[in-house]
Every structure is written in structure tokens, then in C-alpha cells.
Amino acid sequence: MGGNRLATFGNKALGLLSLPTVRTRSIVPPIIPSHALPTIIEIEVNINTSFESVLDVVQGQGQILHAVLMFDEIAAKKRIRLD
């Protein structure tokens, strides 16, 4: 369960934003998916895309800000070594 169905469930059960609102008002930048080992260019573009909307806030305030960067890795295939 995910995607459209989960968004609809959240809207009806929890009063979250509706799916059309999420689609039209989303500020999450699109990233380049990698179906294999990502290239350096793909990683660089994705990092730049992810941070371009918040760089002015982080750099221009003159204050000490705290930020946490978290990466999530999806394991599509795991190999077991039997040495």
C-alpha cells in the first residue's frame, strides 16, 4: 500500500491534504532515479536539486543553524556469501 491509495487514506482518515493538493503544492524537487549503481553525475545533480531551495535560508541568516541530513537506501537485492 502506498502512493495514491495511502494519500487518499490519509486524507479521509486523518484529515491530511488531498492528493490533488499534494501534487500541485509540493515543493519537493524531482530527483533522478537510478536503476543500478548511481553515477557521480546523478548523485551530484540529486544533491544540488535537493538543497537549492533551502540554501538561501541556511547561508543567509547570520545565525547558527542546525541541520540533519539523512540518507535512505533501498535494498533491492541482497547477496549472501557462503565462504
N, C-alpha and C. Protein backbone atom coordinates (compact mmCIF):
# COMPACT_ATOMS: atom_id res chain seq x y z
N MET A 1 0.85 -1.17 0.00
CA MET A 1 0.00 0.00 0.00
C MET A 1 0.89 1.23 0.00
N GLY A 2 0.65 2.12 -0.89
CA GLY A 2 1.43 3.35 -0.95
C GLY A 2 0.95 4.24 -2.05
N GLY A 3 1.61 5.36 -2.20
CA GLY A 3 1.28 6.27 -3.29
C GLY A 3 -0.10 6.87 -3.18
N ASN A 4 -0.87 6.74 -4.25
CA ASN A 4 -2.21 7.33 -4.31
C ASN A 4 -3.14 6.79 -3.23
N ARG A 5 -3.10 5.49 -3.02
CA ARG A 5 -4.00 4.88 -2.04
C ARG A 5 -3.70 5.38 -0.63
N LEU A 6 -2.42 5.48 -0.30
CA LEU A 6 -2.05 5.94 1.03
C LEU A 6 -2.41 7.42 1.22
N ALA A 7 -2.22 8.23 0.20
CA ALA A 7 -2.59 9.64 0.29
C ALA A 7 -4.10 9.80 0.46
N THR A 8 -4.88 9.02 -0.24
CA THR A 8 -6.34 9.08 -0.11
C THR A 8 -6.77 8.64 1.27
N PHE A 9 -6.15 7.57 1.77
CA PHE A 9 -6.46 7.08 3.12
C PHE A 9 -6.14 8.16 4.16
N GLY A 10 -4.97 8.78 4.04
CA GLY A 10 -4.58 9.82 4.98
C GLY A 10 -5.52 11.02 4.93
N ASN A 11 -6.00 11.36 3.75
CA ASN A 11 -6.93 12.46 3.60
C ASN A 11 -8.26 12.16 4.28
N LYS A 12 -8.79 10.98 4.04
CA LYS A 12 -10.11 10.63 4.59
C LYS A 12 -10.06 10.31 6.08
N ALA A 13 -9.04 9.57 6.51
CA ALA A 13 -8.99 9.12 7.89
C ALA A 13 -8.38 10.15 8.85
N LEU A 14 -7.39 10.89 8.39
CA LEU A 14 -6.65 11.77 9.28
C LEU A 14 -6.80 13.25 8.95
N GLY A 15 -7.54 13.55 7.88
CA GLY A 15 -7.74 14.94 7.50
C GLY A 15 -6.51 15.59 6.90
N LEU A 16 -5.61 14.78 6.35
CA LEU A 16 -4.42 15.31 5.70
C LEU A 16 -4.79 15.93 4.36
N LEU A 17 -3.81 16.55 3.70
CA LEU A 17 -4.06 17.18 2.41
C LEU A 17 -4.53 16.16 1.38
N SER A 18 -5.38 16.61 0.47
CA SER A 18 -5.87 15.72 -0.57
C SER A 18 -4.77 15.48 -1.60
N LEU A 19 -4.92 14.45 -2.40
CA LEU A 19 -3.93 14.10 -3.41
C LEU A 19 -3.71 15.22 -4.43
N PRO A 20 -4.77 15.85 -4.98
CA PRO A 20 -4.53 16.96 -5.92
C PRO A 20 -3.78 18.12 -5.27
N THR A 21 -4.04 18.41 -4.01
CA THR A 21 -3.33 19.48 -3.31
C THR A 21 -1.86 19.14 -3.16
N VAL A 22 -1.58 17.91 -2.79
CA VAL A 22 -0.18 17.47 -2.63
C VAL A 22 0.55 17.57 -3.97
N ARG A 23 -0.12 17.18 -5.04
CA ARG A 23 0.52 17.21 -6.36
C ARG A 23 0.80 18.62 -6.83
N THR A 24 -0.12 19.55 -6.60
CA THR A 24 0.06 20.91 -7.12
C THR A 24 0.85 21.82 -6.19
N ARG A 25 0.92 21.51 -4.91
CA ARG A 25 1.58 22.39 -3.95
C ARG A 25 2.89 21.81 -3.41
N SER A 26 3.33 20.72 -3.95
CA SER A 26 4.55 20.08 -3.45
C SER A 26 5.78 20.92 -3.78
N ILE A 27 6.67 21.05 -2.80
CA ILE A 27 7.91 21.77 -3.02
C ILE A 27 9.10 20.81 -3.06
N VAL A 28 8.80 19.52 -3.08
CA VAL A 28 9.87 18.53 -3.15
C VAL A 28 10.37 18.47 -4.58
N PRO A 29 11.65 18.72 -4.78
CA PRO A 29 12.17 18.73 -6.16
C PRO A 29 12.27 17.31 -6.72
N PRO A 30 12.08 17.16 -8.01
CA PRO A 30 12.23 15.83 -8.61
C PRO A 30 13.70 15.44 -8.66
N ILE A 31 13.98 14.19 -8.33
CA ILE A 31 15.34 13.69 -8.39
C ILE A 31 15.45 12.62 -9.47
N ILE A 32 16.66 12.33 -9.88
CA ILE A 32 16.90 11.33 -10.91
C ILE A 32 16.98 9.96 -10.27
N PRO A 33 16.06 9.05 -10.59
CA PRO A 33 16.16 7.70 -10.02
C PRO A 33 17.27 6.91 -10.69
N SER A 34 17.84 6.00 -9.95
CA SER A 34 18.90 5.17 -10.51
C SER A 34 18.46 3.72 -10.40
N HIS A 35 18.44 3.03 -11.51
CA HIS A 35 18.01 1.64 -11.54
C HIS A 35 19.17 0.68 -11.34
N ALA A 36 20.35 1.21 -11.24
CA ALA A 36 21.55 0.42 -10.99
C ALA A 36 22.43 1.25 -10.05
N LEU A 37 23.71 1.01 -10.06
CA LEU A 37 24.62 1.80 -9.27
C LEU A 37 24.59 3.23 -9.78
N PRO A 38 24.27 4.22 -8.91
CA PRO A 38 24.17 5.59 -9.40
C PRO A 38 25.52 6.14 -9.83
N THR A 39 25.50 6.97 -10.84
CA THR A 39 26.73 7.60 -11.30
C THR A 39 27.02 8.83 -10.45
N ILE A 40 28.24 9.31 -10.52
CA ILE A 40 28.62 10.51 -9.78
C ILE A 40 27.78 11.71 -10.22
N ILE A 41 27.50 11.78 -11.51
CA ILE A 41 26.69 12.90 -12.04
C ILE A 41 25.28 12.85 -11.47
N GLU A 42 24.67 11.66 -11.43
CA GLU A 42 23.32 11.52 -10.86
C GLU A 42 23.30 11.93 -9.40
N ILE A 43 24.29 11.50 -8.65
CA ILE A 43 24.36 11.86 -7.22
C ILE A 43 24.52 13.36 -7.06
N GLU A 44 25.41 13.96 -7.83
CA GLU A 44 25.65 15.40 -7.73
C GLU A 44 24.41 16.20 -8.09
N VAL A 45 23.73 15.82 -9.16
CA VAL A 45 22.51 16.52 -9.57
C VAL A 45 21.43 16.38 -8.50
N ASN A 46 21.27 15.20 -7.94
CA ASN A 46 20.25 14.98 -6.92
C ASN A 46 20.54 15.78 -5.65
N ILE A 47 21.82 15.86 -5.24
CA ILE A 47 22.16 16.64 -4.05
C ILE A 47 21.91 18.12 -4.30
N ASN A 48 22.37 18.63 -5.44
CA ASN A 48 22.15 20.04 -5.76
C ASN A 48 20.67 20.38 -5.86
N THR A 49 19.90 19.50 -6.48
CA THR A 49 18.46 19.72 -6.61
C THR A 49 17.78 19.73 -5.25
N SER A 50 18.20 18.84 -4.38
CA SER A 50 17.58 18.73 -3.06
C SER A 50 17.83 19.95 -2.18
N PHE A 51 18.98 20.59 -2.35
CA PHE A 51 19.33 21.69 -1.46
C PHE A 51 19.14 23.08 -2.05
N GLU A 52 18.87 23.21 -3.33
CA GLU A 52 18.81 24.54 -3.93
C GLU A 52 17.70 25.40 -3.35
N SER A 53 16.61 24.80 -2.86
CA SER A 53 15.50 25.60 -2.32
C SER A 53 15.73 26.04 -0.89
N VAL A 54 16.71 25.47 -0.18
CA VAL A 54 16.94 25.85 1.21
C VAL A 54 18.30 26.51 1.45
N LEU A 55 19.13 26.60 0.42
CA LEU A 55 20.46 27.18 0.60
C LEU A 55 20.41 28.63 1.07
N ASP A 56 19.49 29.42 0.54
CA ASP A 56 19.40 30.82 0.96
C ASP A 56 19.04 30.94 2.43
N VAL A 57 18.23 30.04 2.93
CA VAL A 57 17.85 30.05 4.34
C VAL A 57 19.03 29.65 5.21
N VAL A 58 19.74 28.62 4.82
CA VAL A 58 20.86 28.12 5.62
C VAL A 58 22.04 29.09 5.59
N GLN A 59 22.33 29.70 4.46
CA GLN A 59 23.52 30.54 4.33
C GLN A 59 23.30 32.00 4.68
N GLY A 60 22.10 32.52 4.52
CA GLY A 60 21.90 33.95 4.61
C GLY A 60 21.37 34.50 5.91
N GLN A 61 21.24 33.73 6.94
CA GLN A 61 20.61 34.21 8.15
C GLN A 61 21.58 34.87 9.14
N GLY A 62 22.86 34.56 9.07
CA GLY A 62 23.80 35.11 10.03
C GLY A 62 23.68 34.49 11.40
N GLN A 63 22.94 33.43 11.50
CA GLN A 63 22.75 32.71 12.76
C GLN A 63 23.34 31.32 12.62
N ILE A 64 23.54 30.67 13.76
CA ILE A 64 23.97 29.28 13.72
C ILE A 64 22.72 28.43 13.59
N LEU A 65 22.67 27.68 12.52
CA LEU A 65 21.53 26.80 12.28
C LEU A 65 21.98 25.35 12.40
N HIS A 66 21.09 24.50 12.77
CA HIS A 66 21.38 23.08 12.86
C HIS A 66 20.56 22.36 11.82
N ALA A 67 21.20 21.50 11.08
CA ALA A 67 20.50 20.73 10.07
C ALA A 67 20.95 19.29 10.16
N VAL A 68 20.03 18.39 9.88
CA VAL A 68 20.33 16.97 9.88
C VAL A 68 20.08 16.45 8.48
N LEU A 69 21.05 15.76 7.94
CA LEU A 69 20.93 15.18 6.61
C LEU A 69 20.87 13.67 6.78
N MET A 70 19.81 13.07 6.26
CA MET A 70 19.64 11.63 6.39
C MET A 70 19.49 11.02 5.01
N PHE A 71 20.12 9.90 4.80
CA PHE A 71 20.01 9.18 3.54
C PHE A 71 19.27 7.88 3.79
N ASP A 72 18.43 7.50 2.87
CA ASP A 72 17.69 6.25 2.96
C ASP A 72 18.08 5.41 1.76
N GLU A 73 18.48 4.20 2.03
CA GLU A 73 18.89 3.29 0.95
C GLU A 73 17.89 2.15 0.87
N ILE A 74 17.43 1.89 -0.30
CA ILE A 74 16.50 0.78 -0.51
C ILE A 74 17.30 -0.39 -1.07
N ALA A 75 17.27 -1.48 -0.36
CA ALA A 75 17.99 -2.67 -0.82
C ALA A 75 17.07 -3.47 -1.73
N ALA A 76 17.33 -3.42 -3.01
CA ALA A 76 16.51 -4.16 -3.96
C ALA A 76 16.95 -5.60 -4.07
N LYS A 77 18.21 -5.85 -3.80
CA LYS A 77 18.72 -7.20 -3.95
C LYS A 77 19.89 -7.37 -2.99
N LYS A 78 19.86 -8.43 -2.21
CA LYS A 78 20.95 -8.70 -1.29
C LYS A 78 21.61 -10.02 -1.66
N ARG A 79 22.90 -10.03 -1.57
CA ARG A 79 23.65 -11.25 -1.87
C ARG A 79 24.20 -11.83 -0.58
N ILE A 80 24.12 -13.10 -0.46
CA ILE A 80 24.65 -13.79 0.70
C ILE A 80 25.89 -14.55 0.27
N ARG A 81 27.00 -14.30 0.97
CA ARG A 81 28.24 -15.02 0.67
C ARG A 81 28.36 -16.22 1.59
N LEU A 82 28.62 -17.32 1.02
CA LEU A 82 28.78 -18.57 1.78
C LEU A 82 30.22 -19.07 1.64
N ASP A 83 31.16 -18.26 2.14
CA ASP A 83 32.58 -18.66 2.04
C ASP A 83 32.98 -19.51 3.23
